[in-house]
Amino acid sequence: MQTRHFLQLIAMSALWGASFPLLRIASPALGPWVVAATRCILASIVLALLMHTLRGRWPPRQAWPRLALLSMLSVVMPFVLYNWAALVIPSGYSAVLNATVPLFGVMGAALAGEEKLTRIRLLGCGIGFAGVALLVQLGPVAVTPRVLLAALACIAASASYGFGAILMKRATMAYSPLPASAVVHVAGALILLPGGIAAPSANLTPGAVAAVTVLGTFTSGFMYWISMRLMREIPASATTSAAFMIPLFGVTWGGLFLGEPVTASMLPGCILVLSATALITGFNPFRAAPPEP
């Protein structure tokens, strides 16, 4: 992996790390279905405007069913599940459970026969979990059936992301990333809209509206396109390894902007998380880049 790819993974993690605190603001006020549908609608608008500006062309009709399936795995299911979990458990718990995405991504790529399940990658997954455990010092939460269901919802969302990354990788090989991203979110909006309309009345607080706007325009629309562009150049499992760094940035943003304590475990946790990402992606800063063809 080239240095620019590794830096892009870090940048994506930094933005996605803000998603979980934003969900804790938006979901209680607007509801899981409204937040999910609004994210897709806003992302569709942003991506459509980008397509118009860059003069992109929509994929052919026969491609839409395949991209709709990708939307189910990488947008619809994770959005609804994480939104509901945000009503029950702290954002840190969701961020930690999201760190299981690379494991599912590695497993999915191996099952699909697209990547090898090497010992190095499995070691990277284990080190990543250890680093996340050091980074996020979570307070005690009573284990109730509702909390357990929320945790299972996060794991199911992570599995959906991880396995969906395989279809995402295939989509980047068949279609241009920007049009494919737009179709994915348009399909997601159409799927989620009935649930959003049927949901109870939303409480349109300024904080919730601002949070869902950021979620829809940046972390959903723009960053999905960037992740698809990156996935054209690196393996799917490498792209999903960004999930290991999301809790790292969650702690950082909390300390900088919310005054949350930064624990002594942060430095070794950061080292473990970055090491895990390097192991899964194959990134080596000391190895010379291959010559350009």
Protein backbone atom coordinates (compact mmCIF):
# COMPACT_ATOMS: atom_id res chain seq x y z
CA MET A 1 0.00 0.00 0.00
CA GLN A 2 1.24 3.46 -0.87
CA THR A 3 1.57 6.22 1.70
CA ARG A 4 -1.22 8.28 0.12
CA HIS A 5 -3.64 5.36 0.50
CA PHE A 6 -2.73 4.99 4.17
CA LEU A 7 -3.22 8.72 4.75
CA GLN A 8 -6.62 8.55 3.04
CA LEU A 9 -7.65 5.75 5.40
CA ILE A 10 -6.67 7.91 8.37
CA ALA A 11 -8.63 10.87 7.00
CA MET A 12 -11.74 8.73 6.45
CA SER A 13 -11.47 7.35 9.97
CA ALA A 14 -11.20 10.86 11.37
CA LEU A 15 -14.50 11.89 9.76
CA TRP A 16 -16.31 8.61 10.37
CA GLY A 17 -15.21 8.74 14.01
CA ALA A 18 -17.54 11.71 14.47
CA SER A 19 -20.55 9.72 13.24
CA PHE A 20 -21.30 7.94 16.51
CA PRO A 21 -21.53 11.05 18.72
CA LEU A 22 -23.67 12.66 16.01
CA LEU A 23 -26.01 9.66 16.03
CA ARG A 24 -26.42 10.04 19.78
CA ILE A 25 -27.64 13.57 19.10
CA ALA A 26 -29.84 12.88 16.09
CA SER A 27 -31.48 9.50 16.77
CA PRO A 28 -33.24 10.30 20.08
CA ALA A 29 -34.78 13.44 18.57
CA LEU A 30 -35.62 12.29 15.05
CA GLY A 31 -35.86 8.51 15.39
CA PRO A 32 -33.75 5.80 13.71
CA TRP A 33 -35.78 5.57 10.49
CA VAL A 34 -36.01 9.32 9.92
CA VAL A 35 -32.27 9.75 10.49
CA ALA A 36 -31.45 6.89 8.10
CA ALA A 37 -33.79 8.11 5.36
CA THR A 38 -32.65 11.73 5.71
CA ARG A 39 -29.00 10.70 5.50
CA CYS A 40 -29.66 8.88 2.24
CA ILE A 41 -31.69 11.74 0.78
CA LEU A 42 -29.02 14.32 1.63
CA ALA A 43 -26.25 12.04 0.35
CA SER A 44 -28.18 11.51 -2.89
CA ILE A 45 -28.49 15.26 -3.40
CA VAL A 46 -24.79 15.87 -2.73
CA LEU A 47 -23.69 13.07 -5.06
CA ALA A 48 -26.14 14.10 -7.79
CA LEU A 49 -24.80 17.66 -7.64
CA LEU A 50 -21.25 16.34 -7.90
CA MET A 51 -22.25 14.24 -10.90
CA HIS A 52 -23.81 17.27 -12.56
CA THR A 53 -20.71 19.36 -11.88
CA LEU A 54 -18.31 16.68 -13.09
CA ARG A 55 -20.64 15.65 -15.94
CA GLY A 56 -20.92 12.08 -14.76
CA ARG A 57 -23.31 9.56 -16.30
CA TRP A 58 -25.73 7.39 -14.36
CA PRO A 59 -25.12 3.63 -14.55
CA PRO A 60 -27.37 1.65 -16.94
CA ARG A 61 -30.71 0.36 -15.65
CA GLN A 62 -29.51 -3.23 -15.51
CA ALA A 63 -26.90 -2.18 -12.93
CA TRP A 64 -29.43 -0.75 -10.47
CA PRO A 65 -30.60 -4.05 -8.89
CA ARG A 66 -27.00 -5.01 -8.12
CA LEU A 67 -26.28 -1.58 -6.67
CA ALA A 68 -29.53 -1.75 -4.68
CA LEU A 69 -28.25 -4.94 -3.03
CA LEU A 70 -25.03 -3.12 -2.21
CA SER A 71 -27.16 -0.34 -0.73
CA MET A 72 -28.95 -2.82 1.53
CA LEU A 73 -25.66 -4.14 2.92
CA SER A 74 -23.58 -0.96 3.11
CA VAL A 75 -26.22 1.71 3.79
CA VAL A 76 -29.74 0.61 4.74
CA MET A 77 -29.04 -2.11 7.30
CA PRO A 78 -26.08 -0.42 9.04
CA PHE A 79 -27.83 2.94 9.21
CA VAL A 80 -30.98 1.58 10.83
CA LEU A 81 -29.13 -0.74 13.21
CA TYR A 82 -26.60 1.82 14.42
CA ASN A 83 -29.30 4.48 14.71
CA TRP A 84 -31.38 2.21 16.94
CA ALA A 85 -28.34 1.24 19.02
CA ALA A 86 -27.64 4.95 19.58
CA LEU A 87 -30.91 5.12 21.54
CA VAL A 88 -29.64 2.55 24.04
CA ILE A 89 -25.86 2.48 24.42
CA PRO A 90 -23.16 5.18 24.54
CA SER A 91 -21.45 6.17 21.31
CA GLY A 92 -18.18 4.67 22.55
CA TYR A 93 -19.71 1.21 22.72
CA SER A 94 -20.97 1.50 19.15
CA ALA A 95 -17.57 2.73 17.98
CA VAL A 96 -15.81 -0.21 19.64
CA LEU A 97 -18.23 -2.75 18.17
CA ASN A 98 -17.79 -1.09 14.77
CA ALA A 99 -14.16 -2.17 14.99
CA THR A 100 -15.30 -5.71 14.13
CA VAL A 101 -15.88 -4.57 10.51
CA PRO A 102 -12.33 -5.50 9.36
CA LEU A 103 -12.72 -9.02 10.73
CA PHE A 104 -15.94 -9.54 8.76
CA GLY A 105 -14.31 -7.91 5.74
CA VAL A 106 -11.35 -10.30 5.87
CA MET A 107 -13.68 -13.28 6.37
CA GLY A 108 -15.95 -12.17 3.52
CA ALA A 109 -13.04 -11.66 1.12
CA ALA A 110 -11.67 -15.09 2.02
CA LEU A 111 -15.06 -16.80 1.57
CA ALA A 112 -15.53 -15.08 -1.78
CA GLY A 113 -12.10 -16.29 -2.86
CA GLU A 114 -10.92 -12.76 -3.56
CA GLU A 115 -8.26 -12.49 -0.85
CA LYS A 116 -6.23 -14.91 1.25
CA LEU A 117 -6.94 -15.24 4.97
CA THR A 118 -3.33 -14.99 6.11
CA ARG A 119 -1.96 -15.26 9.62
CA ILE A 120 -0.69 -11.69 9.37
CA ARG A 121 -4.20 -10.36 8.74
CA LEU A 122 -5.69 -12.41 11.56
CA LEU A 123 -2.93 -11.13 13.84
CA GLY A 124 -3.78 -7.60 12.71
CA CYS A 125 -7.42 -8.11 13.68
CA GLY A 126 -6.42 -9.32 17.14
CA ILE A 127 -4.01 -6.43 17.70
CA GLY A 128 -6.65 -3.98 16.51
CA PHE A 129 -9.18 -5.22 19.06
CA ALA A 130 -6.55 -4.92 21.80
CA GLY A 131 -5.76 -1.37 20.75
CA VAL A 132 -9.43 -0.37 20.71
CA ALA A 133 -9.86 -1.80 24.21
CA LEU A 134 -7.02 0.42 25.45
CA LEU A 135 -8.22 3.50 23.61
CA VAL A 136 -11.81 3.58 24.77
CA GLN A 137 -12.22 3.34 28.52
CA LEU A 138 -15.95 2.69 28.80
CA GLY A 139 -17.84 3.14 32.00
CA PRO A 140 -19.88 0.27 33.41
CA VAL A 141 -23.22 -0.29 31.73
CA ALA A 142 -25.76 -2.67 33.21
CA VAL A 143 -26.24 -5.66 30.94
CA THR A 144 -29.97 -5.68 30.25
CA PRO A 145 -31.76 -7.45 27.39
CA ARG A 146 -32.13 -4.08 25.64
CA VAL A 147 -28.41 -3.32 25.96
CA LEU A 148 -27.56 -6.80 24.69
CA LEU A 149 -29.85 -6.33 21.68
CA ALA A 150 -28.21 -2.98 20.93
CA ALA A 151 -24.77 -4.59 21.04
CA LEU A 152 -25.95 -7.38 18.73
CA ALA A 153 -27.40 -4.74 16.39
CA CYS A 154 -23.97 -3.08 16.19
CA ILE A 155 -22.28 -6.41 15.44
CA ALA A 156 -24.88 -7.18 12.77
CA ALA A 157 -24.29 -3.73 11.25
CA SER A 158 -20.53 -4.36 11.26
CA ALA A 159 -21.05 -7.71 9.55
CA SER A 160 -23.21 -6.01 6.94
CA TYR A 161 -20.50 -3.43 6.31
CA GLY A 162 -17.77 -6.07 6.17
CA PHE A 163 -19.53 -8.43 3.78
CA GLY A 164 -20.92 -5.50 1.79
CA ALA A 165 -17.35 -4.36 1.17
CA ILE A 166 -16.93 -7.33 -1.17
CA LEU A 167 -19.83 -6.16 -3.34
CA MET A 168 -18.52 -2.63 -3.05
CA LYS A 169 -15.15 -3.72 -4.39
CA ARG A 170 -16.81 -5.47 -7.33
CA ALA A 171 -18.94 -2.39 -8.03
CA THR A 172 -15.85 -0.19 -8.23
CA MET A 173 -14.43 -2.50 -10.88
CA ALA A 174 -17.60 -2.37 -12.98
CA TYR A 175 -18.76 1.23 -12.56
CA SER A 176 -17.33 4.66 -11.91
CA PRO A 177 -17.28 5.33 -8.13
CA LEU A 178 -19.30 8.57 -8.22
CA PRO A 179 -22.33 7.32 -10.21
CA ALA A 180 -22.29 4.03 -8.28
CA SER A 181 -22.27 5.92 -4.97
CA ALA A 182 -25.18 8.06 -6.12
CA VAL A 183 -27.28 5.06 -7.13
CA VAL A 184 -26.51 3.31 -3.83
CA HIS A 185 -27.89 6.25 -1.85
CA VAL A 186 -30.85 6.86 -4.14
CA ALA A 187 -31.81 3.20 -3.72
CA GLY A 188 -31.28 3.51 0.04
CA ALA A 189 -33.52 6.58 0.18
CA LEU A 190 -36.29 4.78 -1.71
CA ILE A 191 -36.05 1.76 0.59
CA LEU A 192 -35.96 3.79 3.82
CA LEU A 193 -38.48 6.49 2.93
CA PRO A 194 -41.62 4.44 3.80
CA GLY A 195 -40.21 3.68 7.24
CA GLY A 196 -39.30 7.31 7.75
CA ILE A 197 -42.80 8.46 6.79
CA ALA A 198 -44.45 5.90 9.06
CA ALA A 199 -42.22 6.77 12.02
CA PRO A 200 -43.58 8.82 14.94
CA SER A 201 -43.31 12.60 14.74
CA ALA A 202 -39.70 13.81 14.90
CA ASN A 203 -38.49 16.47 17.31
CA LEU A 204 -36.65 18.88 15.01
CA THR A 205 -34.16 20.35 17.46
CA PRO A 206 -31.35 22.50 16.04
CA GLY A 207 -28.72 20.05 17.28
CA ALA A 208 -30.44 17.06 15.70
CA VAL A 209 -30.92 18.84 12.38
CA ALA A 210 -27.28 19.93 12.32
CA ALA A 211 -26.12 16.43 13.23
CA VAL A 212 -28.12 14.67 10.53
CA THR A 213 -27.04 17.28 7.97
CA VAL A 214 -23.38 16.53 8.66
CA LEU A 215 -24.09 12.80 8.62
CA GLY A 216 -25.87 12.98 5.28
CA THR A 217 -23.65 15.37 3.37
CA PHE A 218 -20.17 14.47 4.61
CA THR A 219 -19.96 11.08 6.35
CA SER A 220 -22.51 9.43 4.05
CA GLY A 221 -22.45 11.11 0.65
CA PHE A 222 -19.00 12.57 0.12
CA MET A 223 -17.04 10.01 2.15
CA TYR A 224 -18.83 7.03 0.56
CA TRP A 225 -17.65 8.28 -2.82
CA ILE A 226 -14.10 8.73 -1.50
CA SER A 227 -14.11 5.23 -0.02
CA MET A 228 -15.27 3.74 -3.33
CA ARG A 229 -12.50 5.57 -5.16
CA LEU A 230 -9.97 4.23 -2.68
CA MET A 231 -11.35 0.70 -2.95
CA ARG A 232 -10.58 0.68 -6.67
CA GLU A 233 -6.90 0.83 -5.75
CA ILE A 234 -6.58 -1.33 -2.61
CA PRO A 235 -8.18 -4.58 -1.36
CA ALA A 236 -11.61 -4.46 0.30
CA SER A 237 -10.22 -5.78 3.60
CA ALA A 238 -7.65 -2.97 3.61
CA THR A 239 -10.36 -0.35 3.23
CA THR A 240 -12.46 -1.79 6.06
CA SER A 241 -9.41 -1.69 8.36
CA ALA A 242 -10.13 2.02 8.76
CA ALA A 243 -12.75 0.93 11.31
CA PHE A 244 -9.94 0.17 13.78
CA MET A 245 -9.02 3.86 13.84
CA ILE A 246 -12.55 5.18 14.32
CA PRO A 247 -12.55 4.76 18.14
CA LEU A 248 -9.15 6.45 18.21
CA PHE A 249 -10.61 9.57 16.65
CA GLY A 250 -13.75 9.32 18.74
CA VAL A 251 -11.60 9.68 21.84
CA THR A 252 -9.61 12.50 20.25
CA TRP A 253 -12.66 14.54 19.22
CA GLY A 254 -14.23 14.02 22.61
CA GLY A 255 -11.11 15.31 24.36
CA LEU A 256 -10.65 18.31 22.08
CA PHE A 257 -14.23 19.55 21.71
CA LEU A 258 -16.25 18.04 24.55
CA GLY A 259 -13.67 18.12 27.34
CA GLU A 260 -13.77 14.35 27.80
CA PRO A 261 -10.70 12.92 29.57
CA VAL A 262 -7.86 11.49 27.47
CA THR A 263 -6.52 8.47 29.37
CA ALA A 264 -2.93 7.32 29.70
CA SER A 265 -3.80 4.26 27.59
CA MET A 266 -4.30 6.42 24.52
CA LEU A 267 -0.68 6.38 23.30
CA PRO A 268 -0.15 2.60 23.39
CA GLY A 269 -3.67 2.15 22.07
CA CYS A 270 -2.89 4.42 19.12
CA ILE A 271 0.28 2.47 18.38
CA LEU A 272 -1.58 -0.86 18.44
CA VAL A 273 -4.42 0.41 16.24
CA LEU A 274 -2.08 1.87 13.62
CA SER A 275 0.03 -1.30 13.71
CA ALA A 276 -3.08 -3.45 13.19
CA THR A 277 -4.15 -1.34 10.22
CA ALA A 278 -0.69 -1.65 8.71
CA LEU A 279 -0.73 -5.44 9.13
CA ILE A 280 -4.13 -5.84 7.45
CA THR A 281 -3.40 -3.39 4.65
CA GLY A 282 0.19 -4.48 4.08
CA PHE A 283 1.37 -0.89 4.49
CA ASN A 284 5.13 -0.54 5.13
CA PRO A 285 6.46 3.04 5.29
CA PHE A 286 10.04 1.78 4.98
CA ARG A 287 9.45 -0.16 1.77
CA ALA A 288 10.08 1.68 -1.44
CA ALA A 289 7.04 2.21 -3.64
CA PRO A 290 7.01 0.22 -6.89
CA PRO A 291 7.93 2.21 -9.98
CA GLU A 292 5.09 3.69 -11.96
CA PRO A 293 4.29 1.76 -15.16
